[in-house]
Amino acid sequence: MKTLSPKKQEIRHREALILRVSHTLLLDRGYHGLTMARIAEAADCSKATVYQHFPCKEEIILALATESVDIQRGLVERGATFQGRPRERMLAVGLATEIFAELHSEASRIFQIVNGEAILGKASEDSIWRLRSSGLRTVNVMLGIIRDAVAQGDLSLPEGHRPEYIIYNYWLLGDGVEAADSTWLPPV
């Protein structure tokens, strides 16, 4: 493995710091309260330095969302390696997703912010692609389990339905639960 030069290590460290302080500011102050000036102040650097790493706050928010999706995917991949029947593997994936939601409860709020038109309208195609690509890799892990279940006779799909239909509904259910947890509604 190639060792990074001290300068590149410093750049990576500063970028990680910018993301950490942005994460806190975004959750504390929301989208409109997250400004490059506040990020620079919290990271103890100049605004120009923040702009060297990220051209706009929307890119920072997408980077935060991508980090969260990557963490979630790692847990899902670990759940998918469970040695058992497809239904047990899918249960392990569900538990991995639940663990992610418990350990990273702020991620659902970041995901909701990212889905705003303002974010996707200002972010680069490359950043949007990275986020979607990471999410697609997570979906593909689940699709593999569903296909295994069909192949092993553990699952019969209704006429005309593809495995993607099940994943889509499974995903909606998970997103719905996360969204409900972060609304103004009192817990049941």
C-alpha atoms as a PDB file:
ATOM      1  CA  MET A   1       0.000   0.000   0.000  1.00  0.00           C
ATOM      2  CA  LYS A   2       1.334   3.402  -1.000  1.00  0.00           C
ATOM      3  CA  THR A   3       2.032   5.807   1.842  1.00  0.00           C
ATOM      4  CA  LEU A   4       0.674   9.314   1.463  1.00  0.00           C
ATOM      5  CA  SER A   5       3.012  12.255   1.611  1.00  0.00           C
ATOM      6  CA  PRO A   6       2.740  14.455   4.711  1.00  0.00           C
ATOM      7  CA  LYS A   7       1.043  17.154   2.616  1.00  0.00           C
ATOM      8  CA  LYS A   8      -1.592  14.726   1.275  1.00  0.00           C
ATOM      9  CA  GLN A   9      -2.150  13.398   4.799  1.00  0.00           C
ATOM     10  CA  GLU A  10      -2.707  16.976   5.991  1.00  0.00           C
ATOM     11  CA  ILE A  11      -5.198  17.595   3.152  1.00  0.00           C
ATOM     12  CA  ARG A  12      -7.137  14.424   4.011  1.00  0.00           C
ATOM     13  CA  HIS A  13      -7.103  15.293   7.703  1.00  0.00           C
ATOM     14  CA  ARG A  14      -8.427  18.796   6.988  1.00  0.00           C
ATOM     15  CA  GLU A  15     -11.159  17.438   4.708  1.00  0.00           C
ATOM     16  CA  ALA A  16     -12.216  14.953   7.406  1.00  0.00           C
ATOM     17  CA  LEU A  17     -12.309  17.820   9.920  1.00  0.00           C
ATOM     18  CA  ILE A  18     -14.456  19.908   7.571  1.00  0.00           C
ATOM     19  CA  LEU A  19     -16.873  17.002   7.196  1.00  0.00           C
ATOM     20  CA  ARG A  20     -17.023  16.410  10.976  1.00  0.00           C
ATOM     21  CA  VAL A  21     -17.782  20.025  11.813  1.00  0.00           C
ATOM     22  CA  SER A  22     -20.242  20.258   8.902  1.00  0.00           C
ATOM     23  CA  HIS A  23     -22.047  17.191  10.202  1.00  0.00           C
ATOM     24  CA  THR A  24     -22.517  18.821  13.589  1.00  0.00           C
ATOM     25  CA  LEU A  25     -23.524  22.176  12.122  1.00  0.00           C
ATOM     26  CA  LEU A  26     -25.993  20.595   9.708  1.00  0.00           C
ATOM     27  CA  LEU A  27     -27.716  18.655  12.470  1.00  0.00           C
ATOM     28  CA  ASP A  28     -27.691  21.606  14.883  1.00  0.00           C
ATOM     29  CA  ARG A  29     -28.614  24.415  12.485  1.00  0.00           C
ATOM     30  CA  GLY A  30     -30.153  22.696   9.467  1.00  0.00           C
ATOM     31  CA  TYR A  31     -29.537  23.272   5.777  1.00  0.00           C
ATOM     32  CA  HIS A  32     -29.950  27.050   5.881  1.00  0.00           C
ATOM     33  CA  GLY A  33     -27.819  27.350   9.007  1.00  0.00           C
ATOM     34  CA  LEU A  34     -24.918  25.515   7.387  1.00  0.00           C
ATOM     35  CA  THR A  35     -22.708  28.128   5.757  1.00  0.00           C
ATOM     36  CA  MET A  36     -19.164  28.027   4.487  1.00  0.00           C
ATOM     37  CA  ALA A  37     -18.269  30.791   6.944  1.00  0.00           C
ATOM     38  CA  ARG A  38     -19.586  28.792   9.905  1.00  0.00           C
ATOM     39  CA  ILE A  39     -17.796  25.686   8.674  1.00  0.00           C
ATOM     40  CA  ALA A  40     -14.524  27.621   8.359  1.00  0.00           C
ATOM     41  CA  GLU A  41     -14.923  29.075  11.848  1.00  0.00           C
ATOM     42  CA  ALA A  42     -15.696  25.671  13.397  1.00  0.00           C
ATOM     43  CA  ALA A  43     -12.792  24.031  11.537  1.00  0.00           C
ATOM     44  CA  ASP A  44     -10.462  26.904  12.479  1.00  0.00           C
ATOM     45  CA  CYS A  45      -9.498  27.628   8.894  1.00  0.00           C
ATOM     46  CA  SER A  46     -10.322  30.192   6.225  1.00  0.00           C
ATOM     47  CA  LYS A  47     -13.372  30.098   3.985  1.00  0.00           C
ATOM     48  CA  ALA A  48     -10.982  29.786   1.050  1.00  0.00           C
ATOM     49  CA  THR A  49      -9.625  26.576   2.572  1.00  0.00           C
ATOM     50  CA  VAL A  50     -13.136  25.128   2.845  1.00  0.00           C
ATOM     51  CA  TYR A  51     -13.775  26.097  -0.786  1.00  0.00           C
ATOM     52  CA  GLN A  52     -10.538  24.336  -1.826  1.00  0.00           C
ATOM     53  CA  HIS A  53     -12.070  21.091  -0.574  1.00  0.00           C
ATOM     54  CA  PHE A  54     -15.727  21.631  -1.476  1.00  0.00           C
ATOM     55  CA  PRO A  55     -17.131  24.122  -4.009  1.00  0.00           C
ATOM     56  CA  CYS A  56     -20.423  24.505  -2.108  1.00  0.00           C
ATOM     57  CA  LYS A  57     -22.240  23.321   0.996  1.00  0.00           C
ATOM     58  CA  GLU A  58     -24.393  20.984  -1.099  1.00  0.00           C
ATOM     59  CA  GLU A  59     -21.257  19.017  -2.007  1.00  0.00           C
ATOM     60  CA  ILE A  60     -20.458  18.705   1.697  1.00  0.00           C
ATOM     61  CA  ILE A  61     -23.961  17.456   2.445  1.00  0.00           C
ATOM     62  CA  LEU A  62     -23.719  14.879  -0.343  1.00  0.00           C
ATOM     63  CA  ALA A  63     -20.330  13.758   0.998  1.00  0.00           C
ATOM     64  CA  LEU A  64     -21.907  13.302   4.445  1.00  0.00           C
ATOM     65  CA  ALA A  65     -24.779  11.308   2.959  1.00  0.00           C
ATOM     66  CA  THR A  66     -22.383   9.153   0.947  1.00  0.00           C
ATOM     67  CA  GLU A  67     -20.349   8.406   4.086  1.00  0.00           C
ATOM     68  CA  SER A  68     -23.547   7.284   5.810  1.00  0.00           C
ATOM     69  CA  VAL A  69     -24.629   5.112   2.878  1.00  0.00           C
ATOM     70  CA  ASP A  70     -21.158   3.541   2.793  1.00  0.00           C
ATOM     71  CA  ILE A  71     -21.375   2.695   6.493  1.00  0.00           C
ATOM     72  CA  GLN A  72     -24.856   1.258   6.026  1.00  0.00           C
ATOM     73  CA  ARG A  73     -23.709  -0.790   3.025  1.00  0.00           C
ATOM     74  CA  GLY A  74     -20.806  -2.213   5.034  1.00  0.00           C
ATOM     75  CA  LEU A  75     -23.218  -3.418   7.704  1.00  0.00           C
ATOM     76  CA  VAL A  76     -25.614  -4.828   5.083  1.00  0.00           C
ATOM     77  CA  GLU A  77     -22.745  -6.669   3.386  1.00  0.00           C
ATOM     78  CA  ARG A  78     -21.735  -8.177   6.719  1.00  0.00           C
ATOM     79  CA  GLY A  79     -25.324  -9.260   7.361  1.00  0.00           C
ATOM     80  CA  ALA A  80     -25.515 -10.822   3.901  1.00  0.00           C
ATOM     81  CA  THR A  81     -22.536 -13.066   4.660  1.00  0.00           C
ATOM     82  CA  PHE A  82     -24.484 -14.814   7.427  1.00  0.00           C
ATOM     83  CA  GLN A  83     -24.312 -18.557   6.839  1.00  0.00           C
ATOM     84  CA  GLY A  84     -27.888 -19.698   6.475  1.00  0.00           C
ATOM     85  CA  ARG A  85     -30.934 -19.860   4.258  1.00  0.00           C
ATOM     86  CA  PRO A  86     -31.837 -16.721   2.281  1.00  0.00           C
ATOM     87  CA  ARG A  87     -34.592 -15.781   4.742  1.00  0.00           C
ATOM     88  CA  GLU A  88     -32.050 -15.880   7.580  1.00  0.00           C
ATOM     89  CA  ARG A  89     -29.601 -13.825   5.544  1.00  0.00           C
ATOM     90  CA  MET A  90     -32.333 -11.259   4.788  1.00  0.00           C
ATOM     91  CA  LEU A  91     -33.162 -11.133   8.487  1.00  0.00           C
ATOM     92  CA  ALA A  92     -29.463 -10.502   9.188  1.00  0.00           C
ATOM     93  CA  VAL A  93     -29.535  -7.682   6.612  1.00  0.00           C
ATOM     94  CA  GLY A  94     -32.648  -6.252   8.292  1.00  0.00           C
ATOM     95  CA  LEU A  95     -30.904  -6.393  11.657  1.00  0.00           C
ATOM     96  CA  ALA A  96     -27.833  -4.731  10.158  1.00  0.00           C
ATOM     97  CA  THR A  97     -30.039  -1.933   8.863  1.00  0.00           C
ATOM     98  CA  GLU A  98     -31.662  -1.617  12.279  1.00  0.00           C
ATOM     99  CA  ILE A  99     -28.244  -1.445  13.946  1.00  0.00           C
ATOM    100  CA  PHE A 100     -27.221   1.252  11.477  1.00  0.00           C
ATOM    101  CA  ALA A 101     -30.366   3.261  12.274  1.00  0.00           C
ATOM    102  CA  GLU A 102     -29.691   2.905  15.996  1.00  0.00           C
ATOM    103  CA  LEU A 103     -25.995   3.832  15.823  1.00  0.00           C
ATOM    104  CA  HIS A 104     -26.401   6.531  13.163  1.00  0.00           C
ATOM    105  CA  SER A 105     -29.839   7.956  13.869  1.00  0.00           C
ATOM    106  CA  GLU A 106     -28.798  11.315  12.439  1.00  0.00           C
ATOM    107  CA  ALA A 107     -28.286   9.722   9.015  1.00  0.00           C
ATOM    108  CA  SER A 108     -32.008   9.643   8.247  1.00  0.00           C
ATOM    109  CA  ARG A 109     -32.158  13.415   8.766  1.00  0.00           C
ATOM    110  CA  ILE A 110     -29.194  13.901   6.448  1.00  0.00           C
ATOM    111  CA  PHE A 111     -30.879  11.644   3.856  1.00  0.00           C
ATOM    112  CA  GLN A 112     -34.037  13.758   4.092  1.00  0.00           C
ATOM    113  CA  ILE A 113     -32.021  16.953   3.593  1.00  0.00           C
ATOM    114  CA  VAL A 114     -30.204  15.468   0.590  1.00  0.00           C
ATOM    115  CA  ASN A 115     -33.466  14.641  -1.128  1.00  0.00           C
ATOM    116  CA  GLY A 116     -34.348  18.322  -1.267  1.00  0.00           C
ATOM    117  CA  GLU A 117     -34.314  19.804  -4.719  1.00  0.00           C
ATOM    118  CA  ALA A 118     -31.869  22.525  -3.680  1.00  0.00           C
ATOM    119  CA  ILE A 119     -29.173  19.989  -2.835  1.00  0.00           C
ATOM    120  CA  LEU A 120     -29.425  17.867  -5.958  1.00  0.00           C
ATOM    121  CA  GLY A 121     -29.777  20.939  -8.150  1.00  0.00           C
ATOM    122  CA  LYS A 122     -26.483  22.440  -6.978  1.00  0.00           C
ATOM    123  CA  ALA A 123     -24.363  19.324  -6.508  1.00  0.00           C
ATOM    124  CA  SER A 124     -22.100  17.931  -9.189  1.00  0.00           C
ATOM    125  CA  GLU A 125     -23.137  14.923 -11.237  1.00  0.00           C
ATOM    126  CA  ASP A 126     -20.056  13.127  -9.891  1.00  0.00           C
ATOM    127  CA  SER A 127     -21.130  13.563  -6.264  1.00  0.00           C
ATOM    128  CA  ILE A 128     -24.683  12.492  -7.035  1.00  0.00           C
ATOM    129  CA  TRP A 129     -23.322   9.470  -8.917  1.00  0.00           C
ATOM    130  CA  ARG A 130     -21.121   8.471  -5.940  1.00  0.00           C
ATOM    131  CA  LEU A 131     -24.112   8.604  -3.588  1.00  0.00           C
ATOM    132  CA  ARG A 132     -26.406   6.680  -5.935  1.00  0.00           C
ATOM    133  CA  SER A 133     -23.698   4.165  -6.778  1.00  0.00           C
ATOM    134  CA  SER A 134     -23.142   3.383  -3.105  1.00  0.00           C
ATOM    135  CA  GLY A 135     -26.878   2.952  -2.579  1.00  0.00           C
ATOM    136  CA  LEU A 136     -27.140   0.726  -5.647  1.00  0.00           C
ATOM    137  CA  ARG A 137     -24.377  -1.520  -4.314  1.00  0.00           C
ATOM    138  CA  THR A 138     -26.444  -1.936  -1.135  1.00  0.00           C
ATOM    139  CA  VAL A 139     -29.538  -2.804  -3.175  1.00  0.00           C
ATOM    140  CA  ASN A 140     -27.552  -5.332  -5.201  1.00  0.00           C
ATOM    141  CA  VAL A 141     -26.545  -7.171  -2.019  1.00  0.00           C
ATOM    142  CA  MET A 142     -30.223  -7.528  -1.126  1.00  0.00           C
ATOM    143  CA  LEU A 143     -31.153  -8.512  -4.688  1.00  0.00           C
ATOM    144  CA  GLY A 144     -28.615 -11.318  -4.523  1.00  0.00           C
ATOM    145  CA  ILE A 145     -30.307 -12.712  -1.431  1.00  0.00           C
ATOM    146  CA  ILE A 146     -33.768 -12.491  -3.044  1.00  0.00           C
ATOM    147  CA  ARG A 147     -32.502 -14.251  -6.170  1.00  0.00           C
ATOM    148  CA  ASP A 148     -30.947 -16.967  -3.994  1.00  0.00           C
ATOM    149  CA  ALA A 149     -34.290 -17.385  -2.216  1.00  0.00           C
ATOM    150  CA  VAL A 150     -36.111 -17.803  -5.533  1.00  0.00           C
ATOM    151  CA  ALA A 151     -33.471 -20.232  -6.848  1.00  0.00           C
ATOM    152  CA  GLN A 152     -33.633 -22.344  -3.662  1.00  0.00           C
ATOM    153  CA  GLY A 153     -37.432 -22.403  -3.675  1.00  0.00           C
ATOM    154  CA  ASP A 154     -37.731 -20.372  -0.460  1.00  0.00           C
ATOM    155  CA  LEU A 155     -39.582 -17.564  -2.235  1.00  0.00           C
ATOM    156  CA  SER A 156     -42.107 -17.474  -5.033  1.00  0.00           C
ATOM    157  CA  LEU A 157     -42.576 -14.173  -6.764  1.00  0.00           C
ATOM    158  CA  PRO A 158     -46.080 -13.228  -7.881  1.00  0.00           C
ATOM    159  CA  GLU A 159     -46.675 -13.431 -11.626  1.00  0.00           C
ATOM    160  CA  GLY A 160     -44.973 -10.556 -13.408  1.00  0.00           C
ATOM    161  CA  HIS A 161     -42.949  -9.397 -10.383  1.00  0.00           C
ATOM    162  CA  ARG A 162     -39.182  -9.188 -10.336  1.00  0.00           C
ATOM    163  CA  PRO A 163     -36.901  -9.325  -7.272  1.00  0.00           C
ATOM    164  CA  GLU A 164     -36.497  -5.525  -7.538  1.00  0.00           C
ATOM    165  CA  TYR A 165     -40.169  -5.166  -6.577  1.00  0.00           C
ATOM    166  CA  ILE A 166     -39.513  -6.806  -3.202  1.00  0.00           C
ATOM    167  CA  ILE A 167     -36.383  -4.751  -2.580  1.00  0.00           C
ATOM    168  CA  TYR A 168     -38.194  -1.536  -3.484  1.00  0.00           C
ATOM    169  CA  ASN A 169     -40.960  -2.260  -0.962  1.00  0.00           C
ATOM    170  CA  TYR A 170     -38.463  -3.410   1.665  1.00  0.00           C
ATOM    171  CA  TRP A 171     -36.520  -0.158   1.143  1.00  0.00           C
ATOM    172  CA  LEU A 172     -39.676   1.956   1.346  1.00  0.00           C
ATOM    173  CA  LEU A 173     -40.646   0.262   4.584  1.00  0.00           C
ATOM    174  CA  GLY A 174     -37.239   0.989   6.093  1.00  0.00           C
ATOM    175  CA  ASP A 175     -37.245   4.597   4.898  1.00  0.00           C
ATOM    176  CA  GLY A 176     -40.790   5.045   6.178  1.00  0.00           C
ATOM    177  CA  VAL A 177     -39.869   3.786   9.631  1.00  0.00           C
ATOM    178  CA  GLU A 178     -36.803   6.046   9.759  1.00  0.00           C
ATOM    179  CA  ALA A 179     -38.801   9.046   8.543  1.00  0.00           C
ATOM    180  CA  ALA A 180     -41.544   8.403  11.082  1.00  0.00           C
ATOM    181  CA  ASP A 181     -38.976   8.303  13.873  1.00  0.00           C
ATOM    182  CA  SER A 182     -37.720  11.756  12.929  1.00  0.00           C
ATOM    183  CA  THR A 183     -41.059  13.524  12.560  1.00  0.00           C
ATOM    184  CA  TRP A 184     -42.903  15.726  15.006  1.00  0.00           C
ATOM    185  CA  LEU A 185     -45.295  12.868  15.808  1.00  0.00           C
ATOM    186  CA  PRO A 186     -45.070  11.543  19.370  1.00  0.00           C
ATOM    187  CA  PRO A 187     -43.747   7.983  19.692  1.00  0.00           C
ATOM    188  CA  VAL A 188     -46.344   5.251  19.887  1.00  0.00           C
END
